[in-house]
Full PDB file with SEQRES, HELIX, SHEET, SSBOND, CRYST1, ORIGX, SCALE, CONECT and MASTER records, all heavy atoms in Angstrom:
SEQRES   1 A   38  HIS LEU PHE ALA ALA ALA TRP GLU GLY VAL ARG ARG ARG          
SEQRES   2 A   38  PRO ILE PRO MET ARG ALA ARG GLU ILE ALA ASN MET VAL          
SEQRES   3 A   38  GLY LEU ALA MET LEU LEU LEU LEU MET ALA MET VAL              
HELIX    1 AA1 LEU A    2  ARG A   11  1                                  10    
HELIX    2 AA2 MET A   17  MET A   37  1                                  21    
CRYST1    1.000    1.000    1.000  90.00  90.00  90.00 P 1           1          
ORIGX1      1.000000  0.000000  0.000000        0.00000                         
ORIGX2      0.000000  1.000000  0.000000        0.00000                         
ORIGX3      0.000000  0.000000  1.000000        0.00000                         
SCALE1      1.000000  0.000000  0.000000        0.00000                         
SCALE2      0.000000  1.000000  0.000000        0.00000                         
SCALE3      0.000000  0.000000  1.000000        0.00000                         
ATOM      1  N   HIS A   1     -48.455   2.191 203.932  1.00  0.00           N  
ATOM      2  CA  HIS A   1     -47.699   3.362 204.500  1.00  0.00           C  
ATOM      3  C   HIS A   1     -46.200   3.285 204.026  1.00  0.00           C  
ATOM      4  O   HIS A   1     -45.522   4.405 203.779  1.00  0.00           O  
ATOM      5  CB  HIS A   1     -47.803   3.386 206.040  1.00  0.00           C  
ATOM      6  CG  HIS A   1     -49.090   3.715 206.577  1.00  0.00           C  
ATOM      7  ND1 HIS A   1     -49.844   4.749 206.305  1.00  0.00           N  
ATOM      8  CD2 HIS A   1     -49.993   2.817 207.408  1.00  0.00           C  
ATOM      9  CE1 HIS A   1     -51.025   4.844 206.837  1.00  0.00           C  
ATOM     10  NE2 HIS A   1     -51.098   3.586 207.513  1.00  0.00           N  
ATOM     11  N   LEU A   2     -45.627   2.102 204.008  1.00  0.00           N  
ATOM     12  CA  LEU A   2     -44.327   1.984 203.544  1.00  0.00           C  
ATOM     13  C   LEU A   2     -44.176   2.388 202.076  1.00  0.00           C  
ATOM     14  O   LEU A   2     -43.258   3.000 201.635  1.00  0.00           O  
ATOM     15  CB  LEU A   2     -43.848   0.511 203.740  1.00  0.00           C  
ATOM     16  CG  LEU A   2     -43.628  -0.007 205.191  1.00  0.00           C  
ATOM     17  CD1 LEU A   2     -43.342  -1.415 205.241  1.00  0.00           C  
ATOM     18  CD2 LEU A   2     -42.592   0.849 205.891  1.00  0.00           C  
ATOM     19  N   PHE A   3     -45.229   1.890 201.241  1.00  0.00           N  
ATOM     20  CA  PHE A   3     -45.280   2.208 199.913  1.00  0.00           C  
ATOM     21  C   PHE A   3     -45.375   3.757 199.685  1.00  0.00           C  
ATOM     22  O   PHE A   3     -44.581   4.391 198.805  1.00  0.00           O  
ATOM     23  CB  PHE A   3     -46.398   1.540 199.156  1.00  0.00           C  
ATOM     24  CG  PHE A   3     -46.620   2.018 197.753  1.00  0.00           C  
ATOM     25  CD1 PHE A   3     -45.889   1.526 196.706  1.00  0.00           C  
ATOM     26  CD2 PHE A   3     -47.640   2.895 197.481  1.00  0.00           C  
ATOM     27  CE1 PHE A   3     -46.095   1.953 195.408  1.00  0.00           C  
ATOM     28  CE2 PHE A   3     -47.904   3.347 196.258  1.00  0.00           C  
ATOM     29  CZ  PHE A   3     -47.100   2.785 195.161  1.00  0.00           C  
ATOM     30  N   ALA A   4     -46.235   4.443 200.517  1.00  0.00           N  
ATOM     31  CA  ALA A   4     -46.401   5.947 200.471  1.00  0.00           C  
ATOM     32  C   ALA A   4     -45.133   6.658 200.815  1.00  0.00           C  
ATOM     33  O   ALA A   4     -44.784   7.624 200.105  1.00  0.00           O  
ATOM     34  CB  ALA A   4     -47.575   6.277 201.327  1.00  0.00           C  
ATOM     35  N   ALA A   5     -44.546   6.080 201.864  1.00  0.00           N  
ATOM     36  CA  ALA A   5     -43.218   6.775 202.240  1.00  0.00           C  
ATOM     37  C   ALA A   5     -42.170   6.698 201.003  1.00  0.00           C  
ATOM     38  O   ALA A   5     -41.418   7.629 200.769  1.00  0.00           O  
ATOM     39  CB  ALA A   5     -42.692   6.165 203.571  1.00  0.00           C  
ATOM     40  N   ALA A   6     -42.069   5.496 200.503  1.00  0.00           N  
ATOM     41  CA  ALA A   6     -41.170   5.349 199.425  1.00  0.00           C  
ATOM     42  C   ALA A   6     -41.453   6.099 198.175  1.00  0.00           C  
ATOM     43  O   ALA A   6     -40.691   6.820 197.534  1.00  0.00           O  
ATOM     44  CB  ALA A   6     -41.111   3.925 198.939  1.00  0.00           C  
ATOM     45  N   TRP A   7     -42.752   6.321 197.863  1.00  0.00           N  
ATOM     46  CA  TRP A   7     -43.323   7.215 196.774  1.00  0.00           C  
ATOM     47  C   TRP A   7     -42.899   8.670 197.039  1.00  0.00           C  
ATOM     48  O   TRP A   7     -42.531   9.458 196.061  1.00  0.00           O  
ATOM     49  CB  TRP A   7     -44.776   6.922 196.657  1.00  0.00           C  
ATOM     50  CG  TRP A   7     -45.288   7.779 195.476  1.00  0.00           C  
ATOM     51  CD1 TRP A   7     -46.054   8.840 195.587  1.00  0.00           C  
ATOM     52  CD2 TRP A   7     -45.301   7.416 194.054  1.00  0.00           C  
ATOM     53  NE1 TRP A   7     -46.544   9.333 194.363  1.00  0.00           N  
ATOM     54  CE2 TRP A   7     -46.055   8.419 193.427  1.00  0.00           C  
ATOM     55  CE3 TRP A   7     -44.761   6.422 193.404  1.00  0.00           C  
ATOM     56  CZ2 TRP A   7     -46.172   8.438 192.065  1.00  0.00           C  
ATOM     57  CZ3 TRP A   7     -44.947   6.386 191.975  1.00  0.00           C  
ATOM     58  CH2 TRP A   7     -45.585   7.402 191.331  1.00  0.00           C  
ATOM     59  N   GLU A   8     -43.122   9.073 198.229  1.00  0.00           N  
ATOM     60  CA  GLU A   8     -42.828  10.517 198.596  1.00  0.00           C  
ATOM     61  C   GLU A   8     -41.376  10.742 198.611  1.00  0.00           C  
ATOM     62  O   GLU A   8     -40.974  11.862 198.303  1.00  0.00           O  
ATOM     63  CB  GLU A   8     -43.426  10.747 200.026  1.00  0.00           C  
ATOM     64  CG  GLU A   8     -44.925  10.847 200.155  1.00  0.00           C  
ATOM     65  CD  GLU A   8     -45.386  11.003 201.547  1.00  0.00           C  
ATOM     66  OE1 GLU A   8     -44.539  10.931 202.442  1.00  0.00           O  
ATOM     67  OE2 GLU A   8     -46.590  11.234 201.708  1.00  0.00           O  
ATOM     68  N   GLY A   9     -40.598   9.639 198.914  1.00  0.00           N  
ATOM     69  CA  GLY A   9     -39.066   9.888 198.841  1.00  0.00           C  
ATOM     70  C   GLY A   9     -38.604  10.010 197.406  1.00  0.00           C  
ATOM     71  O   GLY A   9     -37.693  10.849 197.155  1.00  0.00           O  
ATOM     72  N   VAL A  10     -39.248   9.260 196.443  1.00  0.00           N  
ATOM     73  CA  VAL A  10     -38.943   9.439 195.161  1.00  0.00           C  
ATOM     74  C   VAL A  10     -39.425  10.806 194.453  1.00  0.00           C  
ATOM     75  O   VAL A  10     -38.664  11.492 193.765  1.00  0.00           O  
ATOM     76  CB  VAL A  10     -39.529   8.268 194.268  1.00  0.00           C  
ATOM     77  CG1 VAL A  10     -39.290   8.436 192.709  1.00  0.00           C  
ATOM     78  CG2 VAL A  10     -38.895   6.950 194.716  1.00  0.00           C  
ATOM     79  N   ARG A  11     -40.695  11.158 194.870  1.00  0.00           N  
ATOM     80  CA  ARG A  11     -41.239  12.391 194.192  1.00  0.00           C  
ATOM     81  C   ARG A  11     -40.834  13.726 194.980  1.00  0.00           C  
ATOM     82  O   ARG A  11     -41.086  14.750 194.415  1.00  0.00           O  
ATOM     83  CB  ARG A  11     -42.762  12.325 194.281  1.00  0.00           C  
ATOM     84  CG  ARG A  11     -43.320  11.085 193.435  1.00  0.00           C  
ATOM     85  CD  ARG A  11     -44.804  11.044 193.450  1.00  0.00           C  
ATOM     86  NE  ARG A  11     -45.497  12.070 192.752  1.00  0.00           N  
ATOM     87  CZ  ARG A  11     -46.160  13.125 193.338  1.00  0.00           C  
ATOM     88  NH1 ARG A  11     -46.302  13.104 194.540  1.00  0.00           N  
ATOM     89  NH2 ARG A  11     -46.739  14.020 192.525  1.00  0.00           N  
ATOM     90  N   ARG A  12     -40.290  13.470 196.131  1.00  0.00           N  
ATOM     91  CA  ARG A  12     -39.742  14.589 196.984  1.00  0.00           C  
ATOM     92  C   ARG A  12     -40.841  15.574 197.390  1.00  0.00           C  
ATOM     93  O   ARG A  12     -40.704  16.677 197.685  1.00  0.00           O  
ATOM     94  CB  ARG A  12     -38.682  15.474 196.098  1.00  0.00           C  
ATOM     95  CG  ARG A  12     -37.510  14.697 195.686  1.00  0.00           C  
ATOM     96  CD  ARG A  12     -36.652  14.353 196.916  1.00  0.00           C  
ATOM     97  NE  ARG A  12     -35.442  13.620 196.516  1.00  0.00           N  
ATOM     98  CZ  ARG A  12     -34.528  13.204 197.426  1.00  0.00           C  
ATOM     99  NH1 ARG A  12     -34.705  13.418 198.608  1.00  0.00           N  
ATOM    100  NH2 ARG A  12     -33.459  12.581 196.923  1.00  0.00           N  
ATOM    101  N   ARG A  13     -42.111  15.084 197.484  1.00  0.00           N  
ATOM    102  CA  ARG A  13     -43.229  15.898 198.008  1.00  0.00           C  
ATOM    103  C   ARG A  13     -44.297  14.872 198.583  1.00  0.00           C  
ATOM    104  O   ARG A  13     -44.462  13.706 197.978  1.00  0.00           O  
ATOM    105  CB  ARG A  13     -43.789  16.761 196.948  1.00  0.00           C  
ATOM    106  CG  ARG A  13     -44.342  16.168 195.726  1.00  0.00           C  
ATOM    107  CD  ARG A  13     -44.985  17.237 194.858  1.00  0.00           C  
ATOM    108  NE  ARG A  13     -45.555  16.749 193.637  1.00  0.00           N  
ATOM    109  CZ  ARG A  13     -44.940  16.539 192.563  1.00  0.00           C  
ATOM    110  NH1 ARG A  13     -43.610  16.811 192.434  1.00  0.00           N  
ATOM    111  NH2 ARG A  13     -45.530  15.994 191.424  1.00  0.00           N  
ATOM    112  N   PRO A  14     -44.994  15.212 199.494  1.00  0.00           N  
ATOM    113  CA  PRO A  14     -45.974  14.333 200.144  1.00  0.00           C  
ATOM    114  C   PRO A  14     -47.213  14.116 199.238  1.00  0.00           C  
ATOM    115  O   PRO A  14     -47.576  14.963 198.333  1.00  0.00           O  
ATOM    116  CB  PRO A  14     -46.423  15.087 201.435  1.00  0.00           C  
ATOM    117  CG  PRO A  14     -46.242  16.600 201.061  1.00  0.00           C  
ATOM    118  CD  PRO A  14     -44.962  16.559 200.195  1.00  0.00           C  
ATOM    119  N   ILE A  15     -47.795  13.005 199.399  1.00  0.00           N  
ATOM    120  CA  ILE A  15     -49.092  12.666 198.795  1.00  0.00           C  
ATOM    121  C   ILE A  15     -50.122  13.539 199.294  1.00  0.00           C  
ATOM    122  O   ILE A  15     -50.223  13.806 200.506  1.00  0.00           O  
ATOM    123  CB  ILE A  15     -49.464  11.195 199.014  1.00  0.00           C  
ATOM    124  CG1 ILE A  15     -48.376  10.208 198.461  1.00  0.00           C  
ATOM    125  CG2 ILE A  15     -50.717  10.820 198.389  1.00  0.00           C  
ATOM    126  CD1 ILE A  15     -48.689   8.748 198.772  1.00  0.00           C  
ATOM    127  N   PRO A  16     -50.963  14.130 198.358  1.00  0.00           N  
ATOM    128  CA  PRO A  16     -52.134  15.082 198.817  1.00  0.00           C  
ATOM    129  C   PRO A  16     -52.949  14.403 199.896  1.00  0.00           C  
ATOM    130  O   PRO A  16     -53.243  13.215 199.760  1.00  0.00           O  
ATOM    131  CB  PRO A  16     -52.816  15.354 197.475  1.00  0.00           C  
ATOM    132  CG  PRO A  16     -51.843  15.237 196.448  1.00  0.00           C  
ATOM    133  CD  PRO A  16     -50.953  14.024 196.991  1.00  0.00           C  
ATOM    134  N   MET A  17     -53.408  15.084 200.832  1.00  0.00           N  
ATOM    135  CA  MET A  17     -54.220  14.667 201.954  1.00  0.00           C  
ATOM    136  C   MET A  17     -55.485  14.075 201.389  1.00  0.00           C  
ATOM    137  O   MET A  17     -56.031  13.081 201.883  1.00  0.00           O  
ATOM    138  CB  MET A  17     -54.607  15.863 202.952  1.00  0.00           C  
ATOM    139  CG  MET A  17     -55.299  15.337 204.166  1.00  0.00           C  
ATOM    140  SD  MET A  17     -54.410  14.001 205.103  1.00  0.00           S  
ATOM    141  CE  MET A  17     -53.006  15.045 205.636  1.00  0.00           C  
ATOM    142  N   ARG A  18     -56.127  14.702 200.448  1.00  0.00           N  
ATOM    143  CA  ARG A  18     -57.395  14.210 199.761  1.00  0.00           C  
ATOM    144  C   ARG A  18     -57.159  12.838 199.206  1.00  0.00           C  
ATOM    145  O   ARG A  18     -58.059  11.991 199.430  1.00  0.00           O  
ATOM    146  CB  ARG A  18     -57.862  15.154 198.702  1.00  0.00           C  
ATOM    147  CG  ARG A  18     -59.177  14.654 198.088  1.00  0.00           C  
ATOM    148  CD  ARG A  18     -60.303  14.538 199.232  1.00  0.00           C  
ATOM    149  NE  ARG A  18     -61.563  14.095 198.539  1.00  0.00           N  
ATOM    150  CZ  ARG A  18     -62.672  13.661 199.215  1.00  0.00           C  
ATOM    151  NH1 ARG A  18     -62.551  13.644 200.642  1.00  0.00           N  
ATOM    152  NH2 ARG A  18     -63.672  13.413 198.610  1.00  0.00           N  
ATOM    153  N   ALA A  19     -55.990  12.567 198.467  1.00  0.00           N  
ATOM    154  CA  ALA A  19     -55.634  11.319 197.970  1.00  0.00           C  
ATOM    155  C   ALA A  19     -55.520  10.264 199.078  1.00  0.00           C  
ATOM    156  O   ALA A  19     -55.981   9.098 198.907  1.00  0.00           O  
ATOM    157  CB  ALA A  19     -54.593  11.432 197.165  1.00  0.00           C  
ATOM    158  N   ARG A  20     -54.991  10.688 200.158  1.00  0.00           N  
ATOM    159  CA  ARG A  20     -54.800   9.759 201.322  1.00  0.00           C  
ATOM    160  C   ARG A  20     -56.140   9.355 201.876  1.00  0.00           C  
ATOM    161  O   ARG A  20     -56.355   8.165 202.290  1.00  0.00           O  
ATOM    162  CB  ARG A  20     -53.891  10.396 202.425  1.00  0.00           C  
ATOM    163  CG  ARG A  20     -52.373  10.383 202.114  1.00  0.00           C  
ATOM    164  CD  ARG A  20     -51.635  10.962 203.328  1.00  0.00           C  
ATOM    165  NE  ARG A  20     -50.192  10.897 202.990  1.00  0.00           N  
ATOM    166  CZ  ARG A  20     -49.458   9.789 203.475  1.00  0.00           C  
ATOM    167  NH1 ARG A  20     -50.024   8.769 204.009  1.00  0.00           N  
ATOM    168  NH2 ARG A  20     -48.189   9.804 203.206  1.00  0.00           N  
ATOM    169  N   GLU A  21     -57.016  10.267 202.035  1.00  0.00           N  
ATOM    170  CA  GLU A  21     -58.386   9.986 202.579  1.00  0.00           C  
ATOM    171  C   GLU A  21     -59.171   9.093 201.674  1.00  0.00           C  
ATOM    172  O   GLU A  21     -59.784   8.171 202.147  1.00  0.00           O  
ATOM    173  CB  GLU A  21     -59.151  11.402 202.717  1.00  0.00           C  
ATOM    174  CG  GLU A  21     -58.473  12.339 203.782  1.00  0.00           C  
ATOM    175  CD  GLU A  21     -59.235  13.570 203.863  1.00  0.00           C  
ATOM    176  OE1 GLU A  21     -60.080  13.850 202.943  1.00  0.00           O  
ATOM    177  OE2 GLU A  21     -58.990  14.387 204.832  1.00  0.00           O  
ATOM    178  N   ILE A  22     -59.089   9.308 200.403  1.00  0.00           N  
ATOM    179  CA  ILE A  22     -59.832   8.467 199.411  1.00  0.00           C  
ATOM    180  C   ILE A  22     -59.186   7.016 199.498  1.00  0.00           C  
ATOM    181  O   ILE A  22     -59.893   5.991 199.520  1.00  0.00           O  
ATOM    182  CB  ILE A  22     -59.723   8.992 198.056  1.00  0.00           C  
ATOM    183  CG1 ILE A  22     -60.570  10.243 197.973  1.00  0.00           C  
ATOM    184  CG2 ILE A  22     -60.273   7.965 197.030  1.00  0.00           C  
ATOM    185  CD1 ILE A  22     -60.390  10.914 196.706  1.00  0.00           C  
ATOM    186  N   ALA A  23     -57.853   6.911 199.503  1.00  0.00           N  
ATOM    187  CA  ALA A  23     -57.197   5.598 199.639  1.00  0.00           C  
ATOM    188  C   ALA A  23     -57.602   4.869 200.898  1.00  0.00           C  
ATOM    189  O   ALA A  23     -57.790   3.636 200.861  1.00  0.00           O  
ATOM    190  CB  ALA A  23     -55.784   5.831 199.524  1.00  0.00           C  
ATOM    191  N   ASN A  24     -57.704   5.634 202.007  1.00  0.00           N  
ATOM    192  CA  ASN A  24     -58.002   4.942 203.308  1.00  0.00           C  
ATOM    193  C   ASN A  24     -59.470   4.467 203.216  1.00  0.00           C  
ATOM    194  O   ASN A  24     -59.676   3.367 203.694  1.00  0.00           O  
ATOM    195  CB  ASN A  24     -57.784   5.920 204.471  1.00  0.00           C  
ATOM    196  CG  ASN A  24     -56.468   6.115 204.759  1.00  0.00           C  
ATOM    197  OD1 ASN A  24     -55.523   5.241 204.508  1.00  0.00           O  
ATOM    198  ND2 ASN A  24     -56.091   7.243 205.361  1.00  0.00           N  
ATOM    199  N   MET A  25     -60.377   5.220 202.614  1.00  0.00           N  
ATOM    200  CA  MET A  25     -61.738   4.714 202.534  1.00  0.00           C  
ATOM    201  C   MET A  25     -61.862   3.531 201.695  1.00  0.00           C  
ATOM    202  O   MET A  25     -62.679   2.568 201.911  1.00  0.00           O  
ATOM    203  CB  MET A  25     -62.620   5.937 202.047  1.00  0.00           C  
ATOM    204  CG  MET A  25     -62.829   6.980 202.911  1.00  0.00           C  
ATOM    205  SD  MET A  25     -64.069   8.184 202.414  1.00  0.00           S  
ATOM    206  CE  MET A  25     -63.177   9.036 201.179  1.00  0.00           C  
ATOM    207  N   VAL A  26     -61.159   3.557 200.552  1.00  0.00           N  
ATOM    208  CA  VAL A  26     -61.128   2.304 199.674  1.00  0.00           C  
ATOM    209  C   VAL A  26     -60.511   1.121 200.300  1.00  0.00           C  
ATOM    210  O   VAL A  26     -61.046   0.006 200.286  1.00  0.00           O  
ATOM    211  CB  VAL A  26     -60.327   2.644 198.406  1.00  0.00           C  
ATOM    212  CG1 VAL A  26     -60.133   1.455 197.521  1.00  0.00           C  
ATOM    213  CG2 VAL A  26     -61.012   3.732 197.525  1.00  0.00           C  
ATOM    214  N   GLY A  27     -59.351   1.433 201.142  1.00  0.00           N  
ATOM    215  CA  GLY A  27     -58.789   0.210 201.784  1.00  0.00           C  
ATOM    216  C   GLY A  27     -59.717  -0.270 202.948  1.00  0.00           C  
ATOM    217  O   GLY A  27     -59.791  -1.529 203.039  1.00  0.00           O  
ATOM    218  N   LEU A  28     -60.376   0.671 203.637  1.00  0.00           N  
ATOM    219  CA  LEU A  28     -61.370   0.056 204.538  1.00  0.00           C  
ATOM    220  C   LEU A  28     -62.436  -0.722 203.994  1.00  0.00           C  
ATOM    221  O   LEU A  28     -62.819  -1.769 204.583  1.00  0.00           O  
ATOM    222  CB  LEU A  28     -61.884   1.326 205.319  1.00  0.00           C  
ATOM    223  CG  LEU A  28     -62.971   0.993 206.582  1.00  0.00           C  
ATOM    224  CD1 LEU A  28     -62.254   0.124 207.625  1.00  0.00           C  
ATOM    225  CD2 LEU A  28     -63.413   2.270 207.155  1.00  0.00           C  
ATOM    226  N   ALA A  29     -62.984  -0.197 202.856  1.00  0.00           N  
ATOM    227  CA  ALA A  29     -63.932  -0.989 202.268  1.00  0.00           C  
ATOM    228  C   ALA A  29     -63.535  -2.388 201.791  1.00  0.00           C  
ATOM    229  O   ALA A  29     -64.234  -3.410 201.893  1.00  0.00           O  
ATOM    230  CB  ALA A  29     -64.483  -0.165 201.083  1.00  0.00           C  
ATOM    231  N   MET A  30     -62.208  -2.417 201.279  1.00  0.00           N  
ATOM    232  CA  MET A  30     -61.722  -3.715 200.830  1.00  0.00           C  
ATOM    233  C   MET A  30     -61.594  -4.678 202.012  1.00  0.00           C  
ATOM    234  O   MET A  30     -61.871  -5.897 201.922  1.00  0.00           O  
ATOM    235  CB  MET A  30     -60.304  -3.474 200.139  1.00  0.00           C  
ATOM    236  CG  MET A  30     -60.526  -2.683 198.806  1.00  0.00           C  
ATOM    237  SD  MET A  30     -58.711  -2.323 198.301  1.00  0.00           S  
ATOM    238  CE  MET A  30     -58.070  -4.013 198.129  1.00  0.00           C  
ATOM    239  N   LEU A  31     -61.093  -4.198 203.207  1.00  0.00           N  
ATOM    240  CA  LEU A  31     -60.963  -4.986 204.368  1.00  0.00           C  
ATOM    241  C   LEU A  31     -62.310  -5.524 204.864  1.00  0.00           C  
ATOM    242  O   LEU A  31     -62.447  -6.643 205.277  1.00  0.00           O  
ATOM    243  CB  LEU A  31     -60.200  -4.232 205.320  1.00  0.00           C  
ATOM    244  CG  LEU A  31     -58.629  -3.955 205.213  1.00  0.00           C  
ATOM    245  CD1 LEU A  31     -58.000  -3.344 206.405  1.00  0.00           C  
ATOM    246  CD2 LEU A  31     -57.942  -5.369 205.010  1.00  0.00           C  
ATOM    247  N   LEU A  32     -63.261  -4.517 204.803  1.00  0.00           N  
ATOM    248  CA  LEU A  32     -64.619  -5.021 205.307  1.00  0.00           C  
ATOM    249  C   LEU A  32     -65.226  -6.132 204.436  1.00  0.00           C  
ATOM    250  O   LEU A  32     -65.844  -7.082 204.940  1.00  0.00           O  
ATOM    251  CB  LEU A  32     -65.648  -3.793 205.388  1.00  0.00           C  
ATOM    252  CG  LEU A  32     -65.333  -2.822 206.408  1.00  0.00           C  
ATOM    253  CD1 LEU A  32     -66.232  -1.594 206.348  1.00  0.00           C  
ATOM    254  CD2 LEU A  32     -65.389  -3.416 207.791  1.00  0.00           C  
ATOM    255  N   LEU A  33     -64.941  -5.956 203.171  1.00  0.00           N  
ATOM    256  CA  LEU A  33     -65.450  -7.015 202.153  1.00  0.00           C  
ATOM    257  C   LEU A  33     -64.667  -8.385 202.392  1.00  0.00           C  
ATOM    258  O   LEU A  33     -65.376  -9.460 202.416  1.00  0.00           O  
ATOM    259  CB  LEU A  33     -65.229  -6.496 200.690  1.00  0.00           C  
ATOM    260  CG  LEU A  33     -65.588  -7.493 199.657  1.00  0.00           C  
ATOM    261  CD1 LEU A  33     -66.986  -7.906 199.671  1.00  0.00           C  
ATOM    262  CD2 LEU A  33     -65.208  -6.866 198.210  1.00  0.00           C  
ATOM    263  N   LEU A  34     -63.354  -8.200 202.628  1.00  0.00           N  
ATOM    264  CA  LEU A  34     -62.589  -9.374 202.955  1.00  0.00           C  
ATOM    265  C   LEU A  34     -63.110 -10.097 204.184  1.00  0.00           C  
ATOM    266  O   LEU A  34     -63.223 -11.344 204.174  1.00  0.00           O  
ATOM    267  CB  LEU A  34     -61.103  -9.019 202.995  1.00  0.00           C  
ATOM    268  CG  LEU A  34     -60.123 -10.185 203.341  1.00  0.00           C  
ATOM    269  CD1 LEU A  34     -60.110 -11.215 202.187  1.00  0.00           C  
ATOM    270  CD2 LEU A  34     -58.746  -9.655 203.557  1.00  0.00           C  
ATOM    271  N   MET A  35     -63.434  -9.328 205.217  1.00  0.00           N  
ATOM    272  CA  MET A  35     -63.818  -9.956 206.421  1.00  0.00           C  
ATOM    273  C   MET A  35     -65.160 -10.664 206.222  1.00  0.00           C  
ATOM    274  O   MET A  35     -65.396 -11.688 206.761  1.00  0.00           O  
ATOM    275  CB  MET A  35     -63.950  -8.809 207.531  1.00  0.00           C  
ATOM    276  CG  MET A  35     -62.641  -8.235 208.033  1.00  0.00           C  
ATOM    277  SD  MET A  35     -62.875  -6.850 209.205  1.00  0.00           S  
ATOM    278  CE  MET A  35     -63.809  -7.637 210.482  1.00  0.00           C  
ATOM    279  N   ALA A  36     -66.062 -10.091 205.398  1.00  0.00           N  
ATOM    280  CA  ALA A  36     -67.290 -10.647 205.207  1.00  0.00           C  
ATOM    281  C   ALA A  36     -67.150 -11.930 204.412  1.00  0.00           C  
ATOM    282  O   ALA A  36     -67.839 -13.033 204.695  1.00  0.00           O  
ATOM    283  CB  ALA A  36     -68.247  -9.625 204.447  1.00  0.00           C  
ATOM    284  N   MET A  37     -66.233 -11.933 203.480  1.00  0.00           N  
ATOM    285  CA  MET A  37     -66.082 -13.185 202.669  1.00  0.00           C  
ATOM    286  C   MET A  37     -65.417 -14.326 203.569  1.00  0.00           C  
ATOM    287  O   MET A  37     -65.899 -15.445 203.409  1.00  0.00           O  
ATOM    288  CB  MET A  37     -65.165 -12.749 201.469  1.00  0.00           C  
ATOM    289  CG  MET A  37     -65.774 -11.900 200.466  1.00  0.00           C  
ATOM    290  SD  MET A  37     -64.715 -11.358 199.236  1.00  0.00           S  
ATOM    291  CE  MET A  37     -64.414 -12.803 198.285  1.00  0.00           C  
ATOM    292  N   VAL A  38     -64.451 -13.990 204.419  1.00  0.00           N  
ATOM    293  CA  VAL A  38     -63.835 -15.096 205.149  1.00  0.00           C  
ATOM    294  C   VAL A  38     -64.861 -15.549 206.318  1.00  0.00           C  
ATOM    295  O   VAL A  38     -64.774 -16.753 206.602  1.00  0.00           O  
ATOM    296  CB  VAL A  38     -62.490 -14.687 205.801  1.00  0.00           C  
ATOM    297  CG1 VAL A  38     -61.482 -14.281 204.788  1.00  0.00           C  
ATOM    298  CG2 VAL A  38     -62.718 -13.396 206.726  1.00  0.00           C  
TER     299      VAL A  38                                                      
MASTER        0    0    0    2    0    0    0    6  298    1    0    3          
END                                                                             
C-alpha cells in the first residue's frame, strides 16, 4: 500500500482497480503458499 501510494504520487493518477484486484489475489496466494511452507 505504501508502494502503491508512492507510485500514484509519481504518476499523478490512481492504479486501475482491476490491477489492484489482481495484485491482491496474487499477494493472497503468495501468503497462503508461505504459510503452508512454514
